[in-house]
Amino acid sequence: MKPETLNFFEKVYEVAKQIPYGRVTSYGAIANFLGASRSARMVGYALIGSVSKDVPAHRVVNRNGLLTGKHHFEGTNLMQQLLESEGIIVKDNQVQNFDEVFWEPSKEL
């Protein structure tokens, strides 16, 4: 990978580490915060590689609250279990109270 890609990944990790317990954000919200509004998919790629970096990637969902990254977690329901352990309600792979638990990095950081 190119150095600038790795630098972007590190920025994604730093933002994701700021997501409060019991809250979620979206790939696009992180991309927008980093000034790369069309890079939501790249945020997802970064989070795939964050397992050993103590990044709460389970708190990042798509713009509709869907757990689209769940297949990158060990086990079949680990992402959902982690979210539910933080009090987030998930039904049919979707955060139910999405507007209430959504964390917007541009307003918080």
C-alpha atoms as a PDB file:
ATOM      1  CA  MET A   1       0.000   0.000   0.000  1.00  0.00           C
ATOM      2  CA  LYS A   2       1.022   3.558  -0.605  1.00  0.00           C
ATOM      3  CA  PRO A   3       2.200   5.602   2.417  1.00  0.00           C
ATOM      4  CA  GLU A   4      -0.688   8.071   2.002  1.00  0.00           C
ATOM      5  CA  THR A   5      -3.146   5.162   2.205  1.00  0.00           C
ATOM      6  CA  LEU A   6      -1.596   3.988   5.466  1.00  0.00           C
ATOM      7  CA  ASN A   7      -1.707   7.554   6.775  1.00  0.00           C
ATOM      8  CA  PHE A   8      -5.432   7.713   5.945  1.00  0.00           C
ATOM      9  CA  PHE A   9      -5.969   4.397   7.725  1.00  0.00           C
ATOM     10  CA  GLU A  10      -4.250   5.724  10.854  1.00  0.00           C
ATOM     11  CA  LYS A  11      -6.490   8.808  10.775  1.00  0.00           C
ATOM     12  CA  VAL A  12      -9.540   6.537  10.526  1.00  0.00           C
ATOM     13  CA  TYR A  13      -8.334   4.580  13.560  1.00  0.00           C
ATOM     14  CA  GLU A  14      -7.854   7.769  15.570  1.00  0.00           C
ATOM     15  CA  VAL A  15     -11.400   8.945  14.817  1.00  0.00           C
ATOM     16  CA  ALA A  16     -12.903   5.516  15.508  1.00  0.00           C
ATOM     17  CA  LYS A  17     -11.140   5.389  18.888  1.00  0.00           C
ATOM     18  CA  GLN A  18     -13.085   8.532  19.856  1.00  0.00           C
ATOM     19  CA  ILE A  19     -16.541   6.982  19.313  1.00  0.00           C
ATOM     20  CA  PRO A  20     -18.100   6.902  22.775  1.00  0.00           C
ATOM     21  CA  TYR A  21     -19.236   3.689  24.407  1.00  0.00           C
ATOM     22  CA  GLY A  22     -22.869   3.026  23.521  1.00  0.00           C
ATOM     23  CA  ARG A  23     -22.779   5.154  20.365  1.00  0.00           C
ATOM     24  CA  VAL A  24     -22.254   4.434  16.655  1.00  0.00           C
ATOM     25  CA  THR A  25     -21.155   6.403  13.632  1.00  0.00           C
ATOM     26  CA  SER A  26     -21.035   5.705   9.914  1.00  0.00           C
ATOM     27  CA  TYR A  27     -18.259   5.106   7.421  1.00  0.00           C
ATOM     28  CA  GLY A  28     -19.358   8.252   5.592  1.00  0.00           C
ATOM     29  CA  ALA A  29     -19.335  10.405   8.733  1.00  0.00           C
ATOM     30  CA  ILE A  30     -15.722   9.424   9.374  1.00  0.00           C
ATOM     31  CA  ALA A  31     -14.802  10.053   5.724  1.00  0.00           C
ATOM     32  CA  ASN A  32     -16.484  13.483   5.805  1.00  0.00           C
ATOM     33  CA  PHE A  33     -14.695  14.389   9.017  1.00  0.00           C
ATOM     34  CA  LEU A  34     -11.369  13.503   7.411  1.00  0.00           C
ATOM     35  CA  GLY A  35     -12.139  15.699   4.386  1.00  0.00           C
ATOM     36  CA  ALA A  36     -12.575  12.715   2.081  1.00  0.00           C
ATOM     37  CA  SER A  37     -16.342  12.707   1.617  1.00  0.00           C
ATOM     38  CA  ARG A  38     -16.286  10.148  -1.195  1.00  0.00           C
ATOM     39  CA  SER A  39     -14.136   7.666   0.724  1.00  0.00           C
ATOM     40  CA  ALA A  40     -16.647   5.842   2.932  1.00  0.00           C
ATOM     41  CA  ARG A  41     -15.620   2.539   1.353  1.00  0.00           C
ATOM     42  CA  MET A  42     -11.960   3.297   2.104  1.00  0.00           C
ATOM     43  CA  VAL A  43     -12.923   3.857   5.756  1.00  0.00           C
ATOM     44  CA  GLY A  44     -14.422   0.370   5.692  1.00  0.00           C
ATOM     45  CA  TYR A  45     -11.225  -1.072   4.245  1.00  0.00           C
ATOM     46  CA  ALA A  46      -9.236   0.640   6.971  1.00  0.00           C
ATOM     47  CA  LEU A  47     -11.438  -0.816   9.691  1.00  0.00           C
ATOM     48  CA  ILE A  48     -10.994  -4.339   8.338  1.00  0.00           C
ATOM     49  CA  GLY A  49      -7.317  -4.025   9.238  1.00  0.00           C
ATOM     50  CA  SER A  50      -7.910  -2.533  12.679  1.00  0.00           C
ATOM     51  CA  VAL A  51      -8.475  -5.751  14.657  1.00  0.00           C
ATOM     52  CA  SER A  52      -5.085  -5.734  16.402  1.00  0.00           C
ATOM     53  CA  LYS A  53      -5.069  -1.940  16.923  1.00  0.00           C
ATOM     54  CA  ASP A  54      -7.623  -1.668  19.749  1.00  0.00           C
ATOM     55  CA  VAL A  55     -10.106   0.176  17.518  1.00  0.00           C
ATOM     56  CA  PRO A  56     -13.841  -0.185  18.296  1.00  0.00           C
ATOM     57  CA  ALA A  57     -14.714  -0.951  14.668  1.00  0.00           C
ATOM     58  CA  HIS A  58     -17.980  -2.550  15.795  1.00  0.00           C
ATOM     59  CA  ARG A  59     -19.283   0.984  16.423  1.00  0.00           C
ATOM     60  CA  VAL A  60     -19.087   1.898  12.724  1.00  0.00           C
ATOM     61  CA  VAL A  61     -22.105   1.019  10.587  1.00  0.00           C
ATOM     62  CA  ASN A  62     -23.442   2.157   7.240  1.00  0.00           C
ATOM     63  CA  ARG A  63     -25.462   5.355   6.754  1.00  0.00           C
ATOM     64  CA  ASN A  64     -28.710   3.507   7.449  1.00  0.00           C
ATOM     65  CA  GLY A  65     -27.489   1.838  10.614  1.00  0.00           C
ATOM     66  CA  LEU A  66     -26.914  -1.540   8.980  1.00  0.00           C
ATOM     67  CA  LEU A  67     -24.155  -3.796  10.298  1.00  0.00           C
ATOM     68  CA  THR A  68     -22.578  -4.148   6.861  1.00  0.00           C
ATOM     69  CA  GLY A  69     -19.134  -4.944   8.280  1.00  0.00           C
ATOM     70  CA  LYS A  70     -20.274  -7.795  10.500  1.00  0.00           C
ATOM     71  CA  HIS A  71     -18.766 -10.520   8.333  1.00  0.00           C
ATOM     72  CA  HIS A  72     -15.302  -9.150   9.167  1.00  0.00           C
ATOM     73  CA  PHE A  73     -15.706 -10.048  12.842  1.00  0.00           C
ATOM     74  CA  GLU A  74     -14.977 -13.478  14.271  1.00  0.00           C
ATOM     75  CA  GLY A  75     -18.096 -15.551  14.790  1.00  0.00           C
ATOM     76  CA  THR A  76     -21.428 -14.951  13.152  1.00  0.00           C
ATOM     77  CA  ASN A  77     -22.855 -12.306  15.500  1.00  0.00           C
ATOM     78  CA  LEU A  78     -19.862 -10.766  17.274  1.00  0.00           C
ATOM     79  CA  MET A  79     -20.449  -7.237  15.958  1.00  0.00           C
ATOM     80  CA  GLN A  80     -24.079  -7.341  17.069  1.00  0.00           C
ATOM     81  CA  GLN A  81     -23.141  -8.828  20.442  1.00  0.00           C
ATOM     82  CA  LEU A  82     -20.570  -6.098  21.071  1.00  0.00           C
ATOM     83  CA  LEU A  83     -23.087  -3.386  20.210  1.00  0.00           C
ATOM     84  CA  GLU A  84     -25.799  -4.961  22.349  1.00  0.00           C
ATOM     85  CA  SER A  85     -23.376  -5.251  25.270  1.00  0.00           C
ATOM     86  CA  GLU A  86     -23.130  -1.440  25.062  1.00  0.00           C
ATOM     87  CA  GLY A  87     -26.914  -1.050  25.162  1.00  0.00           C
ATOM     88  CA  ILE A  88     -27.470  -0.562  21.444  1.00  0.00           C
ATOM     89  CA  ILE A  89     -30.597  -2.279  20.129  1.00  0.00           C
ATOM     90  CA  VAL A  90     -30.007  -4.284  16.947  1.00  0.00           C
ATOM     91  CA  LYS A  91     -32.747  -6.058  15.013  1.00  0.00           C
ATOM     92  CA  ASP A  92     -32.310  -7.728  11.617  1.00  0.00           C
ATOM     93  CA  ASN A  93     -28.714  -6.441  11.419  1.00  0.00           C
ATOM     94  CA  GLN A  94     -29.799  -2.823  11.890  1.00  0.00           C
ATOM     95  CA  VAL A  95     -29.360  -0.381  14.764  1.00  0.00           C
ATOM     96  CA  GLN A  96     -32.917   0.387  15.879  1.00  0.00           C
ATOM     97  CA  ASN A  97     -32.479   3.716  17.633  1.00  0.00           C
ATOM     98  CA  PHE A  98     -29.953   4.949  15.084  1.00  0.00           C
ATOM     99  CA  ASP A  99     -30.741   8.673  15.316  1.00  0.00           C
ATOM    100  CA  GLU A 100     -30.495   8.568  19.114  1.00  0.00           C
ATOM    101  CA  VAL A 101     -27.159   6.745  19.303  1.00  0.00           C
ATOM    102  CA  PHE A 102     -25.520   8.256  16.217  1.00  0.00           C
ATOM    103  CA  TRP A 103     -22.265  10.084  16.952  1.00  0.00           C
ATOM    104  CA  GLU A 104     -21.211  12.771  14.472  1.00  0.00           C
ATOM    105  CA  PRO A 105     -17.420  13.288  14.597  1.00  0.00           C
ATOM    106  CA  SER A 106     -17.587  16.742  13.001  1.00  0.00           C
ATOM    107  CA  LYS A 107     -19.778  17.950  15.869  1.00  0.00           C
ATOM    108  CA  GLU A 108     -17.876  16.199  18.641  1.00  0.00           C
ATOM    109  CA  LEU A 109     -14.197  16.476  17.755  1.00  0.00           C
END
